[in-house]
Amino acid sequence: MQKLNLGCAYNKEPGYINVDLDSSCNPDLCFDLRDAPWPIESGSIEEVLAMHILEHIEGTNGYLTFWKELYRVCTNGAIIKIEVPHWKHDTFFHDPTHVRAVTPIGLRMFD
C-alpha cells in the first residue's frame, strides 16, 4: 500500500508519493487534482496528507472531482489527514488564493 502527500509543493514527505501541479517543485507525480482520472491505481492508497490544499481547489466540478478521485484511489479504511485555515480567521480571508471555505460540516458531507 502507498501513501499520498497531495499539493506537496516543496514540503515533500519521505515514504509518500508527493503530488503537485507545479513541476518546478519536483514532485513524484505532477497532475491537476481537479482532473480525473488521477494516475494512481484504484484502492491502492492507505494514507493521504492534504495540508492546506482544499481551500485552493477552484470550481465546484473540480472540487467534486477531487473527492471522487480521492475515494477511488483510497483503500477501505484509509486515513485522510486534512488541514485548512479556519474559515472565520484572517488567514483565510486575506489570502487571495483561497477560493473556498472548508468547514467541518462541509467535510462531513463527503464522509
Protein backbone atom coordinates (compact mmCIF):
# COMPACT_ATOMS: atom_id res chain seq x y z
CA MET A 1 0.00 0.00 0.00
CA GLN A 2 1.07 3.55 -0.66
CA LYS A 3 0.70 6.98 0.89
CA LEU A 4 -0.02 10.32 -0.86
CA ASN A 5 1.05 13.83 0.02
CA LEU A 6 -1.28 15.97 -2.10
CA GLY A 7 -0.28 19.51 -3.06
CA CYS A 8 3.17 18.96 -1.57
CA ALA A 9 4.94 21.98 -3.11
CA TYR A 10 8.42 21.91 -1.53
CA ASN A 11 7.19 20.04 1.59
CA LYS A 12 7.98 16.52 0.47
CA GLU A 13 7.33 13.73 2.94
CA PRO A 14 9.55 10.64 2.97
CA GLY A 15 7.60 7.43 2.39
CA TYR A 16 4.85 9.28 0.50
CA ILE A 17 4.15 9.82 -3.18
CA ASN A 18 4.46 13.60 -3.31
CA VAL A 19 1.99 15.17 -5.74
CA ASP A 20 1.77 18.73 -7.03
CA LEU A 21 0.52 20.64 -10.05
CA ASP A 22 3.72 22.70 -10.24
CA SER A 23 6.55 20.71 -11.82
CA SER A 24 9.16 23.22 -10.60
CA CYS A 25 8.94 21.77 -7.07
CA ASN A 26 9.94 18.36 -8.46
CA PRO A 27 7.04 16.23 -7.17
CA ASP A 28 6.98 12.47 -7.66
CA LEU A 29 3.77 12.92 -9.68
CA CYS A 30 2.69 16.12 -11.40
CA PHE A 31 -1.01 16.48 -12.21
CA ASP A 32 -4.08 18.62 -11.56
CA LEU A 33 -6.15 17.29 -8.65
CA ARG A 34 -9.28 18.70 -10.35
CA ASP A 35 -8.92 16.37 -13.32
CA ALA A 36 -9.88 12.70 -13.49
CA PRO A 37 -8.61 10.13 -13.57
CA TRP A 38 -5.58 10.60 -11.37
CA PRO A 39 -2.62 8.47 -12.50
CA ILE A 40 -2.99 6.28 -9.41
CA GLU A 41 -4.41 2.76 -9.19
CA SER A 42 -7.83 2.35 -7.60
CA GLY A 43 -7.77 1.16 -3.99
CA SER A 44 -4.00 1.50 -3.65
CA ILE A 45 -3.65 4.32 -1.09
CA GLU A 46 -3.73 3.74 2.65
CA GLU A 47 -2.96 7.27 3.86
CA VAL A 48 -3.35 10.77 2.44
CA LEU A 49 -2.00 14.13 3.56
CA ALA A 50 -3.96 17.14 2.27
CA MET A 51 -2.32 20.07 4.03
CA HIS A 52 -3.66 23.48 3.03
CA ILE A 53 -4.87 22.48 -0.42
CA LEU A 54 -8.66 22.18 -0.22
CA GLU A 55 -9.16 25.92 0.17
CA HIS A 56 -7.28 26.42 -3.13
CA ILE A 57 -9.25 24.00 -5.36
CA GLU A 58 -11.19 26.14 -7.81
CA GLY A 59 -14.58 25.34 -9.27
CA THR A 60 -17.35 23.14 -7.95
CA ASN A 61 -16.73 20.46 -10.58
CA GLY A 62 -13.01 20.40 -9.79
CA TYR A 63 -13.71 20.15 -6.06
CA LEU A 64 -16.18 17.30 -6.54
CA THR A 65 -13.77 15.54 -8.90
CA PHE A 66 -11.09 15.79 -6.19
CA TRP A 67 -13.35 13.95 -3.71
CA LYS A 68 -14.44 11.30 -6.22
CA GLU A 69 -10.86 10.54 -7.14
CA LEU A 70 -9.76 10.52 -3.50
CA TYR A 71 -12.40 7.88 -2.74
CA ARG A 72 -11.42 5.90 -5.83
CA VAL A 73 -7.72 5.66 -5.02
CA CYS A 74 -8.08 5.03 -1.27
CA THR A 75 -8.44 1.63 0.36
CA ASN A 76 -11.38 0.93 2.62
CA GLY A 77 -10.43 2.47 5.98
CA ALA A 78 -7.71 4.74 4.58
CA ILE A 79 -6.53 7.57 6.82
CA ILE A 80 -7.05 11.03 5.33
CA LYS A 81 -5.37 13.89 7.18
CA ILE A 82 -6.72 17.31 6.26
CA GLU A 83 -5.53 20.70 7.45
CA VAL A 84 -7.10 24.00 6.36
CA PRO A 85 -7.26 27.51 7.81
CA HIS A 86 -10.29 28.22 9.96
CA TRP A 87 -12.94 29.71 7.72
CA LYS A 88 -13.53 32.64 10.09
CA HIS A 89 -9.86 33.51 10.60
CA ASP A 90 -7.95 36.37 8.98
CA THR A 91 -5.52 33.88 7.41
CA PHE A 92 -8.41 32.56 5.37
CA PHE A 93 -9.94 35.90 4.38
CA HIS A 94 -6.77 37.77 3.47
CA ASP A 95 -5.14 35.18 1.20
CA PRO A 96 -6.26 35.90 -2.38
CA THR A 97 -5.53 32.30 -3.41
CA HIS A 98 -8.21 30.93 -1.06
CA VAL A 99 -11.25 30.21 -3.20
CA ARG A 100 -13.49 28.27 -0.80
CA ALA A 101 -14.19 27.92 2.88
CA VAL A 102 -13.73 24.38 4.17
CA THR A 103 -15.78 23.63 7.27
CA PRO A 104 -16.30 20.53 9.42
CA ILE A 105 -19.93 20.30 8.30
CA GLY A 106 -18.88 20.65 4.66
CA LEU A 107 -16.32 17.86 5.07
CA ARG A 108 -18.89 15.58 6.73
CA MET A 109 -20.88 15.71 3.51
CA PHE A 110 -18.14 13.57 1.93
CA ASP A 111 -17.99 11.04 4.79
